Amino acid sequence: MLGKDITKQTVVDFLNNPFVKNKFPDSWGDPDAFCRCVPKINVGAARHPFADRIVMIG
C-alpha cells in the first residue's frame, strides 16, 4: 500500500476484506508486526528517463 495516511487500521481493514482474506490460506493469521514504513520507494517519473544507449521503461 502506498500513501501518506496509511494507518495500521487501514491495513487491517484491507486484510479483513472477504475478497482479500479469501486469497490467503485458512491457517494464515495477522502477524504481530506486518506494517512497515520502509523502504521508501520512488513513485514519481524519472527526470531524465534516457541516456546514451539506455532507455528506462516501466
PDB file of N, CA and C in Angstrom:
ATOM      1  N   MET A   1       0.840  -1.164   0.000  1.00  0.00           N
ATOM      2  CA  MET A   1       0.000   0.000   0.000  1.00  0.00           C
ATOM      3  C   MET A   1       0.890   1.233   0.000  1.00  0.00           C
ATOM      4  N   LEU A   2       0.499   2.210  -0.762  1.00  0.00           N
ATOM      5  CA  LEU A   2       1.244   3.461  -0.826  1.00  0.00           C
ATOM      6  C   LEU A   2       0.347   4.603  -0.384  1.00  0.00           C
ATOM      7  N   GLY A   3       0.937   5.577   0.257  1.00  0.00           N
ATOM      8  CA  GLY A   3       0.183   6.756   0.650  1.00  0.00           C
ATOM      9  C   GLY A   3       0.739   7.364   1.913  1.00  0.00           C
ATOM     10  N   LYS A   4       0.343   8.583   2.177  1.00  0.00           N
ATOM     11  CA  LYS A   4       0.836   9.290   3.359  1.00  0.00           C
ATOM     12  C   LYS A   4      -0.025   9.019   4.587  1.00  0.00           C
ATOM     13  N   ASP A   5      -1.267   8.641   4.400  1.00  0.00           N
ATOM     14  CA  ASP A   5      -2.182   8.475   5.528  1.00  0.00           C
ATOM     15  C   ASP A   5      -2.561   7.018   5.761  1.00  0.00           C
ATOM     16  N   ILE A   6      -1.653   6.090   5.467  1.00  0.00           N
ATOM     17  CA  ILE A   6      -1.914   4.673   5.699  1.00  0.00           C
ATOM     18  C   ILE A   6      -1.658   4.376   7.175  1.00  0.00           C
ATOM     19  N   THR A   7      -2.670   3.904   7.857  1.00  0.00           N
ATOM     20  CA  THR A   7      -2.529   3.550   9.268  1.00  0.00           C
ATOM     21  C   THR A   7      -2.600   2.031   9.406  1.00  0.00           C
ATOM     22  N   LYS A   8      -2.265   1.544  10.585  1.00  0.00           N
ATOM     23  CA  LYS A   8      -2.369   0.103  10.830  1.00  0.00           C
ATOM     24  C   LYS A   8      -3.810  -0.351  10.631  1.00  0.00           C
ATOM     25  N   GLN A   9      -4.759   0.475  11.033  1.00  0.00           N
ATOM     26  CA  GLN A   9      -6.171   0.116  10.868  1.00  0.00           C
ATOM     27  C   GLN A   9      -6.544   0.010   9.393  1.00  0.00           C
ATOM     28  N   THR A  10      -5.968   0.852   8.541  1.00  0.00           N
ATOM     29  CA  THR A  10      -6.207   0.764   7.100  1.00  0.00           C
ATOM     30  C   THR A  10      -5.764  -0.595   6.582  1.00  0.00           C
ATOM     31  N   VAL A  11      -4.591  -1.043   7.025  1.00  0.00           N
ATOM     32  CA  VAL A  11      -4.057  -2.339   6.591  1.00  0.00           C
ATOM     33  C   VAL A  11      -4.927  -3.472   7.128  1.00  0.00           C
ATOM     34  N   VAL A  12      -5.323  -3.394   8.388  1.00  0.00           N
ATOM     35  CA  VAL A  12      -6.175  -4.426   8.990  1.00  0.00           C
ATOM     36  C   VAL A  12      -7.505  -4.515   8.246  1.00  0.00           C
ATOM     37  N   ASP A  13      -8.111  -3.375   7.954  1.00  0.00           N
ATOM     38  CA  ASP A  13      -9.379  -3.361   7.214  1.00  0.00           C
ATOM     39  C   ASP A  13      -9.214  -3.995   5.839  1.00  0.00           C
ATOM     40  N   PHE A  14      -8.107  -3.698   5.166  1.00  0.00           N
ATOM     41  CA  PHE A  14      -7.841  -4.273   3.849  1.00  0.00           C
ATOM     42  C   PHE A  14      -7.697  -5.788   3.947  1.00  0.00           C
ATOM     43  N   LEU A  15      -6.893  -6.251   4.911  1.00  0.00           N
ATOM     44  CA  LEU A  15      -6.651  -7.687   5.052  1.00  0.00           C
ATOM     45  C   LEU A  15      -7.895  -8.448   5.498  1.00  0.00           C
ATOM     46  N   ASN A  16      -8.805  -7.782   6.181  1.00  0.00           N
ATOM     47  CA  ASN A  16     -10.035  -8.437   6.634  1.00  0.00           C
ATOM     48  C   ASN A  16     -11.155  -8.380   5.608  1.00  0.00           C
ATOM     49  N   ASN A  17     -10.930  -7.707   4.493  1.00  0.00           N
ATOM     50  CA  ASN A  17     -11.910  -7.688   3.416  1.00  0.00           C
ATOM     51  C   ASN A  17     -12.104  -9.125   2.928  1.00  0.00           C
ATOM     52  N   PRO A  18     -13.348  -9.605   2.789  1.00  0.00           N
ATOM     53  CA  PRO A  18     -13.576 -11.000   2.396  1.00  0.00           C
ATOM     54  C   PRO A  18     -12.881 -11.395   1.092  1.00  0.00           C
ATOM     55  N   PHE A  19     -12.842 -10.504   0.112  1.00  0.00           N
ATOM     56  CA  PHE A  19     -12.192 -10.825  -1.163  1.00  0.00           C
ATOM     57  C   PHE A  19     -10.701 -11.053  -0.967  1.00  0.00           C
ATOM     58  N   VAL A  20     -10.052 -10.199  -0.165  1.00  0.00           N
ATOM     59  CA  VAL A  20      -8.614 -10.319   0.091  1.00  0.00           C
ATOM     60  C   VAL A  20      -8.338 -11.519   0.989  1.00  0.00           C
ATOM     61  N   LYS A  21      -9.116 -11.659   2.046  1.00  0.00           N
ATOM     62  CA  LYS A  21      -8.916 -12.745   3.010  1.00  0.00           C
ATOM     63  C   LYS A  21      -9.033 -14.110   2.344  1.00  0.00           C
ATOM     64  N   ASN A  22      -9.868 -14.215   1.337  1.00  0.00           N
ATOM     65  CA  ASN A  22     -10.068 -15.467   0.608  1.00  0.00           C
ATOM     66  C   ASN A  22      -8.813 -15.905  -0.150  1.00  0.00           C
ATOM     67  N   LYS A  23      -7.902 -14.986  -0.415  1.00  0.00           N
ATOM     68  CA  LYS A  23      -6.679 -15.296  -1.170  1.00  0.00           C
ATOM     69  C   LYS A  23      -5.589 -15.912  -0.298  1.00  0.00           C
ATOM     70  N   PHE A  24      -5.725 -15.830   1.024  1.00  0.00           N
ATOM     71  CA  PHE A  24      -4.735 -16.376   1.951  1.00  0.00           C
ATOM     72  C   PHE A  24      -5.166 -17.770   2.402  1.00  0.00           C
ATOM     73  N   PRO A  25      -4.196 -18.604   2.813  1.00  0.00           N
ATOM     74  CA  PRO A  25      -4.563 -19.927   3.344  1.00  0.00           C
ATOM     75  C   PRO A  25      -5.392 -19.792   4.622  1.00  0.00           C
ATOM     76  N   ASP A  26      -6.195 -20.806   4.912  1.00  0.00           N
ATOM     77  CA  ASP A  26      -7.042 -20.779   6.108  1.00  0.00           C
ATOM     78  C   ASP A  26      -6.222 -20.651   7.385  1.00  0.00           C
ATOM     79  N   SER A  27      -5.001 -21.176   7.374  1.00  0.00           N
ATOM     80  CA  SER A  27      -4.163 -21.161   8.575  1.00  0.00           C
ATOM     81  C   SER A  27      -3.473 -19.813   8.799  1.00  0.00           C
ATOM     82  N   TRP A  28      -3.584 -18.885   7.838  1.00  0.00           N
ATOM     83  CA  TRP A  28      -2.888 -17.604   7.948  1.00  0.00           C
ATOM     84  C   TRP A  28      -3.584 -16.712   8.964  1.00  0.00           C
ATOM     85  N   GLY A  29      -2.770 -16.010   9.753  1.00  0.00           N
ATOM     86  CA  GLY A  29      -3.302 -15.043  10.713  1.00  0.00           C
ATOM     87  C   GLY A  29      -2.491 -13.768  10.642  1.00  0.00           C
ATOM     88  N   ASP A  30      -3.031 -12.707  11.192  1.00  0.00           N
ATOM     89  CA  ASP A  30      -2.315 -11.430  11.193  1.00  0.00           C
ATOM     90  C   ASP A  30      -1.027 -11.556  12.000  1.00  0.00           C
ATOM     91  N   PRO A  31       0.128 -11.247  11.400  1.00  0.00           N
ATOM     92  CA  PRO A  31       1.373 -11.256  12.173  1.00  0.00           C
ATOM     93  C   PRO A  31       1.397 -10.094  13.168  1.00  0.00           C
ATOM     94  N   ASP A  32       2.274 -10.182  14.151  1.00  0.00           N
ATOM     95  CA  ASP A  32       2.360  -9.128  15.164  1.00  0.00           C
ATOM     96  C   ASP A  32       2.805  -7.795  14.572  1.00  0.00           C
ATOM     97  N   ALA A  33       3.752  -7.835  13.637  1.00  0.00           N
ATOM     98  CA  ALA A  33       4.295  -6.594  13.065  1.00  0.00           C
ATOM     99  C   ALA A  33       4.302  -6.698  11.544  1.00  0.00           C
ATOM    100  N   PHE A  34       3.161  -6.470  10.919  1.00  0.00           N
ATOM    101  CA  PHE A  34       3.091  -6.569   9.462  1.00  0.00           C
ATOM    102  C   PHE A  34       3.092  -5.212   8.781  1.00  0.00           C
ATOM    103  N   CYS A  35       3.040  -4.141   9.538  1.00  0.00           N
ATOM    104  CA  CYS A  35       3.009  -2.800   8.961  1.00  0.00           C
ATOM    105  C   CYS A  35       4.387  -2.162   9.086  1.00  0.00           C
ATOM    106  N   ARG A  36       4.975  -1.792   7.959  1.00  0.00           N
ATOM    107  CA  ARG A  36       6.294  -1.169   7.959  1.00  0.00           C
ATOM    108  C   ARG A  36       6.242   0.057   7.046  1.00  0.00           C
ATOM    109  N   CYS A  37       7.010   1.054   7.399  1.00  0.00           N
ATOM    110  CA  CYS A  37       7.038   2.285   6.613  1.00  0.00           C
ATOM    111  C   CYS A  37       8.363   2.453   5.887  1.00  0.00           C
ATOM    112  N   VAL A  38       9.119   1.393   5.702  1.00  0.00           N
ATOM    113  CA  VAL A  38      10.382   1.428   4.985  1.00  0.00           C
ATOM    114  C   VAL A  38      10.442   0.227   4.067  1.00  0.00           C
ATOM    115  N   PRO A  39      11.156   0.179   3.012  1.00  0.00           N
ATOM    116  CA  PRO A  39      11.904   1.313   2.488  1.00  0.00           C
ATOM    117  C   PRO A  39      10.989   2.239   1.693  1.00  0.00           C
ATOM    118  N   LYS A  40      11.381   3.479   1.618  1.00  0.00           N
ATOM    119  CA  LYS A  40      10.640   4.421   0.781  1.00  0.00           C
ATOM    120  C   LYS A  40      10.983   4.118  -0.672  1.00  0.00           C
ATOM    121  N   ILE A  41      10.010   4.187  -1.540  1.00  0.00           N
ATOM    122  CA  ILE A  41      10.246   3.922  -2.954  1.00  0.00           C
ATOM    123  C   ILE A  41       9.825   5.130  -3.772  1.00  0.00           C
ATOM    124  N   ASN A  42      10.426   5.262  -4.921  1.00  0.00           N
ATOM    125  CA  ASN A  42      10.100   6.351  -5.828  1.00  0.00           C
ATOM    126  C   ASN A  42       8.810   6.012  -6.559  1.00  0.00           C
ATOM    127  N   VAL A  43       7.833   6.891  -6.484  1.00  0.00           N
ATOM    128  CA  VAL A  43       6.586   6.678  -7.201  1.00  0.00           C
ATOM    129  C   VAL A  43       6.350   7.771  -8.245  1.00  0.00           C
ATOM    130  N   GLY A  44       7.365   8.595  -8.477  1.00  0.00           N
ATOM    131  CA  GLY A  44       7.257   9.665  -9.464  1.00  0.00           C
ATOM    132  C   GLY A  44       7.966   9.303 -10.759  1.00  0.00           C
ATOM    133  N   ALA A  45       7.879  10.175 -11.708  1.00  0.00           N
ATOM    134  CA  ALA A  45       8.525   9.953 -13.001  1.00  0.00           C
ATOM    135  C   ALA A  45      10.005  10.326 -12.924  1.00  0.00           C
ATOM    136  N   ALA A  46      10.812   9.659 -13.736  1.00  0.00           N
ATOM    137  CA  ALA A  46      12.241   9.965 -13.799  1.00  0.00           C
ATOM    138  C   ALA A  46      12.434  11.327 -14.461  1.00  0.00           C
ATOM    139  N   ARG A  47      13.433  12.066 -14.000  1.00  0.00           N
ATOM    140  CA  ARG A  47      13.709  13.381 -14.600  1.00  0.00           C
ATOM    141  C   ARG A  47      14.264  13.228 -16.010  1.00  0.00           C
ATOM    142  N   HIS A  48      15.176  12.281 -16.183  1.00  0.00           N
ATOM    143  CA  HIS A  48      15.778  12.014 -17.497  1.00  0.00           C
ATOM    144  C   HIS A  48      15.713  10.506 -17.750  1.00  0.00           C
ATOM    145  N   PRO A  49      14.609  10.018 -18.327  1.00  0.00           N
ATOM    146  CA  PRO A  49      14.445   8.573 -18.480  1.00  0.00           C
ATOM    147  C   PRO A  49      15.229   7.972 -19.651  1.00  0.00           C
ATOM    148  N   PHE A  50      16.247   8.674 -20.098  1.00  0.00           N
ATOM    149  CA  PHE A  50      17.061   8.144 -21.188  1.00  0.00           C
ATOM    150  C   PHE A  50      18.482   8.640 -21.026  1.00  0.00           C
ATOM    151  N   ALA A  51      19.432   7.953 -21.675  1.00  0.00           N
ATOM    152  CA  ALA A  51      20.840   8.340 -21.669  1.00  0.00           C
ATOM    153  C   ALA A  51      21.480   7.722 -22.901  1.00  0.00           C
ATOM    154  N   ASP A  52      22.782   7.802 -22.979  1.00  0.00           N
ATOM    155  CA  ASP A  52      23.496   7.239 -24.113  1.00  0.00           C
ATOM    156  C   ASP A  52      23.330   5.720 -24.124  1.00  0.00           C
ATOM    157  N   ARG A  53      22.562   5.209 -25.049  1.00  0.00           N
ATOM    158  CA  ARG A  53      22.289   3.784 -25.247  1.00  0.00           C
ATOM    159  C   ARG A  53      21.490   3.135 -24.116  1.00  0.00           C
ATOM    160  N   ILE A  54      20.759   3.894 -23.374  1.00  0.00           N
ATOM    161  CA  ILE A  54      19.937   3.337 -22.293  1.00  0.00           C
ATOM    162  C   ILE A  54      18.576   4.018 -22.305  1.00  0.00           C
ATOM    163  N   VAL A  55      17.527   3.233 -22.181  1.00  0.00           N
ATOM    164  CA  VAL A  55      16.172   3.768 -22.061  1.00  0.00           C
ATOM    165  C   VAL A  55      15.493   3.013 -20.926  1.00  0.00           C
ATOM    166  N   MET A  56      14.858   3.741 -20.001  1.00  0.00           N
ATOM    167  CA  MET A  56      14.145   3.100 -18.895  1.00  0.00           C
ATOM    168  C   MET A  56      12.657   3.087 -19.199  1.00  0.00           C
ATOM    169  N   ILE A  57      12.064   1.918 -19.134  1.00  0.00           N
ATOM    170  CA  ILE A  57      10.634   1.764 -19.392  1.00  0.00           C
ATOM    171  C   ILE A  57      10.004   1.086 -18.185  1.00  0.00           C
ATOM    172  N   GLY A  58       8.897   1.610 -17.751  1.00  0.00           N
ATOM    173  CA  GLY A  58       8.211   0.934 -16.639  1.00  0.00           C
ATOM    174  C   GLY A  58       7.541   1.917 -15.727  1.00  0.00           C
TER     175      GLY A  58
END
